[in-house]
Structures are given as C-alpha cells and as structure tokens.
N, C-alpha and C. Protein backbone atom coordinates (compact mmCIF):
# COMPACT_ATOMS: atom_id res chain seq x y z
N MET A 1 8.49 -29.28 -38.56
CA MET A 1 8.04 -27.90 -38.59
C MET A 1 6.84 -27.70 -37.66
N ARG A 2 5.93 -28.65 -37.67
CA ARG A 2 4.74 -28.56 -36.84
C ARG A 2 5.11 -28.56 -35.35
N ILE A 3 6.11 -29.33 -34.99
CA ILE A 3 6.54 -29.40 -33.59
C ILE A 3 7.10 -28.04 -33.16
N ARG A 4 7.83 -27.37 -34.02
CA ARG A 4 8.36 -26.04 -33.69
C ARG A 4 7.24 -25.05 -33.42
N ARG A 5 6.21 -25.08 -34.23
CA ARG A 5 5.07 -24.16 -34.03
C ARG A 5 4.38 -24.43 -32.70
N ILE A 6 4.19 -25.69 -32.41
CA ILE A 6 3.53 -26.05 -31.14
C ILE A 6 4.40 -25.63 -29.96
N LEU A 7 5.70 -25.91 -30.07
CA LEU A 7 6.61 -25.53 -28.99
C LEU A 7 6.67 -24.01 -28.82
N THR A 8 6.70 -23.27 -29.89
CA THR A 8 6.71 -21.81 -29.84
C THR A 8 5.43 -21.29 -29.21
N ALA A 9 4.30 -21.86 -29.60
CA ALA A 9 3.02 -21.45 -29.02
C ALA A 9 2.97 -21.75 -27.52
N PHE A 10 3.49 -22.90 -27.13
CA PHE A 10 3.51 -23.27 -25.71
C PHE A 10 4.38 -22.31 -24.90
N ILE A 11 5.56 -21.99 -25.41
CA ILE A 11 6.46 -21.08 -24.70
C ILE A 11 5.85 -19.68 -24.61
N ALA A 12 5.24 -19.22 -25.70
CA ALA A 12 4.61 -17.90 -25.68
C ALA A 12 3.46 -17.86 -24.68
N THR A 13 2.66 -18.92 -24.63
CA THR A 13 1.54 -18.97 -23.69
C THR A 13 2.05 -18.97 -22.25
N ALA A 14 3.09 -19.75 -21.99
CA ALA A 14 3.65 -19.81 -20.63
C ALA A 14 4.23 -18.45 -20.24
N ALA A 15 4.89 -17.79 -21.18
CA ALA A 15 5.47 -16.48 -20.88
C ALA A 15 4.38 -15.46 -20.56
N LEU A 16 3.31 -15.47 -21.33
CA LEU A 16 2.20 -14.54 -21.08
C LEU A 16 1.50 -14.85 -19.76
N ALA A 17 1.33 -16.11 -19.44
CA ALA A 17 0.70 -16.49 -18.17
C ALA A 17 1.58 -16.06 -17.00
N GLY A 18 2.87 -16.25 -17.13
CA GLY A 18 3.80 -15.83 -16.07
C GLY A 18 3.80 -14.34 -15.89
N LEU A 19 3.74 -13.61 -16.98
CA LEU A 19 3.71 -12.16 -16.91
C LEU A 19 2.44 -11.69 -16.20
N GLY A 20 1.32 -12.35 -16.47
CA GLY A 20 0.06 -11.98 -15.82
C GLY A 20 0.11 -12.23 -14.32
N LEU A 21 0.71 -13.33 -13.92
CA LEU A 21 0.81 -13.64 -12.49
C LEU A 21 1.75 -12.66 -11.79
N THR A 22 2.83 -12.31 -12.46
CA THR A 22 3.76 -11.36 -11.86
C THR A 22 3.10 -10.00 -11.69
N GLY A 23 2.36 -9.55 -12.69
CA GLY A 23 1.66 -8.27 -12.60
C GLY A 23 0.63 -8.27 -11.49
N ALA A 24 -0.08 -9.38 -11.33
CA ALA A 24 -1.09 -9.47 -10.27
C ALA A 24 -0.44 -9.45 -8.89
N ALA A 25 0.68 -10.14 -8.75
CA ALA A 25 1.38 -10.16 -7.47
C ALA A 25 1.92 -8.78 -7.13
N THR A 26 2.42 -8.08 -8.13
CA THR A 26 2.94 -6.74 -7.89
C THR A 26 1.83 -5.79 -7.49
N ALA A 27 0.69 -5.88 -8.16
CA ALA A 27 -0.45 -5.01 -7.83
C ALA A 27 -0.95 -5.31 -6.42
N GLY A 28 -0.99 -6.59 -6.05
CA GLY A 28 -1.43 -6.95 -4.71
C GLY A 28 -0.47 -6.46 -3.64
N ALA A 29 0.82 -6.57 -3.91
CA ALA A 29 1.81 -6.12 -2.93
C ALA A 29 1.79 -4.61 -2.79
N THR A 30 1.59 -3.92 -3.88
CA THR A 30 1.54 -2.46 -3.81
C THR A 30 0.35 -2.01 -2.99
N GLY A 31 -0.79 -2.64 -3.21
CA GLY A 31 -1.98 -2.27 -2.46
C GLY A 31 -1.85 -2.61 -0.98
N ALA A 32 -1.12 -3.67 -0.68
CA ALA A 32 -0.99 -4.09 0.71
C ALA A 32 -0.06 -3.19 1.49
N THR A 33 0.88 -2.58 0.84
CA THR A 33 1.83 -1.77 1.57
C THR A 33 1.37 -0.33 1.77
N THR A 34 0.33 0.07 1.11
CA THR A 34 -0.16 1.43 1.24
C THR A 34 -1.10 1.51 2.44
N HIS A 35 -0.68 2.20 3.50
CA HIS A 35 -1.49 2.31 4.71
C HIS A 35 -1.69 3.76 5.12
N ALA A 36 -1.77 4.64 4.17
CA ALA A 36 -1.96 6.06 4.49
C ALA A 36 -3.36 6.28 5.03
N ALA A 37 -3.47 7.05 6.09
CA ALA A 37 -4.77 7.35 6.68
C ALA A 37 -5.53 8.32 5.78
N PRO A 38 -6.83 8.15 5.67
CA PRO A 38 -7.61 9.11 4.89
C PRO A 38 -7.49 10.51 5.47
N THR A 39 -7.54 11.51 4.64
CA THR A 39 -7.34 12.88 5.10
C THR A 39 -8.48 13.37 5.97
N ASP A 40 -9.69 12.82 5.82
CA ASP A 40 -10.82 13.30 6.60
C ASP A 40 -10.97 12.59 7.94
N ALA A 41 -10.17 11.57 8.21
CA ALA A 41 -10.26 10.82 9.46
C ALA A 41 -9.27 11.40 10.47
N ALA A 42 -9.74 11.60 11.68
CA ALA A 42 -8.88 12.12 12.75
C ALA A 42 -8.04 10.98 13.31
N PRO A 43 -6.78 11.22 13.60
CA PRO A 43 -5.93 10.17 14.16
C PRO A 43 -6.31 9.89 15.62
N THR A 44 -6.01 8.69 16.06
CA THR A 44 -6.21 8.34 17.46
C THR A 44 -4.97 8.77 18.24
N VAL A 45 -5.03 8.63 19.55
CA VAL A 45 -3.89 8.98 20.40
C VAL A 45 -2.69 8.10 20.02
N GLY A 46 -2.92 6.81 19.83
CA GLY A 46 -1.84 5.90 19.46
C GLY A 46 -1.23 6.24 18.11
N GLU A 47 -2.06 6.60 17.13
CA GLU A 47 -1.54 6.97 15.82
C GLU A 47 -0.70 8.24 15.89
N CYS A 48 -1.12 9.17 16.71
CA CYS A 48 -0.35 10.41 16.88
C CYS A 48 1.03 10.10 17.44
N GLU A 49 1.09 9.29 18.47
CA GLU A 49 2.36 8.96 19.10
C GLU A 49 3.22 8.06 18.21
N ASP A 50 2.60 7.12 17.48
CA ASP A 50 3.34 6.25 16.57
C ASP A 50 3.90 7.05 15.40
N GLY A 51 3.23 8.13 15.02
CA GLY A 51 3.71 8.97 13.92
C GLY A 51 4.80 9.94 14.34
N GLY A 52 5.24 9.88 15.58
CA GLY A 52 6.34 10.73 16.04
C GLY A 52 5.89 11.98 16.75
N GLY A 53 4.62 12.12 17.04
CA GLY A 53 4.13 13.31 17.71
C GLY A 53 3.75 13.05 19.16
N THR A 54 3.29 14.10 19.82
CA THR A 54 2.78 14.00 21.18
C THR A 54 1.39 14.62 21.21
N VAL A 55 0.60 14.22 22.19
CA VAL A 55 -0.76 14.72 22.31
C VAL A 55 -0.78 15.97 23.18
N ASP A 56 -1.38 17.02 22.68
CA ASP A 56 -1.60 18.24 23.47
C ASP A 56 -3.03 18.16 23.99
N TRP A 57 -3.17 17.76 25.26
CA TRP A 57 -4.51 17.54 25.83
C TRP A 57 -5.28 18.83 26.02
N ALA A 58 -4.61 19.95 26.11
CA ALA A 58 -5.30 21.22 26.29
C ALA A 58 -6.11 21.59 25.04
N THR A 59 -5.55 21.31 23.87
CA THR A 59 -6.26 21.64 22.62
C THR A 59 -6.77 20.39 21.91
N ASN A 60 -6.48 19.20 22.46
CA ASN A 60 -6.90 17.93 21.90
C ASN A 60 -6.39 17.76 20.46
N THR A 61 -5.11 18.14 20.24
CA THR A 61 -4.49 18.02 18.93
C THR A 61 -3.16 17.27 19.04
N CYS A 62 -2.68 16.85 17.91
CA CYS A 62 -1.39 16.18 17.82
C CYS A 62 -0.33 17.23 17.51
N LYS A 63 0.74 17.24 18.27
CA LYS A 63 1.83 18.20 18.07
C LYS A 63 3.06 17.47 17.54
N GLY A 64 3.51 17.86 16.35
CA GLY A 64 4.69 17.24 15.75
C GLY A 64 4.37 15.93 15.06
N GLY A 65 5.33 15.42 14.34
CA GLY A 65 5.19 14.13 13.68
C GLY A 65 4.30 14.18 12.45
N LYS A 66 3.81 13.03 12.09
CA LYS A 66 3.03 12.85 10.86
C LYS A 66 1.69 13.56 10.90
N TYR A 67 1.06 13.65 12.06
CA TYR A 67 -0.29 14.22 12.18
C TYR A 67 -0.28 15.59 12.84
N ASP A 68 0.77 16.34 12.68
CA ASP A 68 0.93 17.64 13.33
C ASP A 68 -0.26 18.56 13.07
N GLY A 69 -0.86 19.03 14.16
CA GLY A 69 -1.97 20.00 14.07
C GLY A 69 -3.34 19.39 13.89
N GLN A 70 -3.44 18.10 13.72
CA GLN A 70 -4.75 17.47 13.51
C GLN A 70 -5.42 17.19 14.85
N LYS A 71 -6.74 17.31 14.87
CA LYS A 71 -7.52 16.99 16.06
C LYS A 71 -7.45 15.50 16.34
N ILE A 72 -7.39 15.16 17.61
CA ILE A 72 -7.36 13.74 18.04
C ILE A 72 -8.78 13.23 18.15
N ASP A 73 -8.98 12.02 17.66
CA ASP A 73 -10.30 11.39 17.73
C ASP A 73 -10.47 10.71 19.07
C-alpha cells in the first residue's frame, strides 16, 4: 500500500512539473511571435514597403498596406 502512495505521488508530481514546463514554453512562444509595432511609433521606409505599401515622398507617408496613412520616420 505504501508503494502505491509513493508511486501515485511521484506520478502526480511529474505531471504537474510537465504541465508547468508546457505552460512556460507556450507563454514564451506566444510572446516571441508577437511583433506588432507600437501605435505611437512611426514606421520606417523598409517597414512600409514590407507591410505591402509604398512611400509617398511628397507627403512623407505610407500609402497602402499595413501602415496606410502613417507618417514615415
């Protein structure tokens, strides 16, 4: 009977430790994949073009794409 209790405690501890590691890995991966630019930061010329837009040099803004209408830094 004592061996069953020890074995049950060991399995429960291992399961909880594994769950903690999985949760930490998921949180780290989620944070790593989020690369949204802050709303108060102006995009660069490269960011404007990479986001699918073009640079309007007359008004110094990004036309089209992800940063449409934002001033270029």
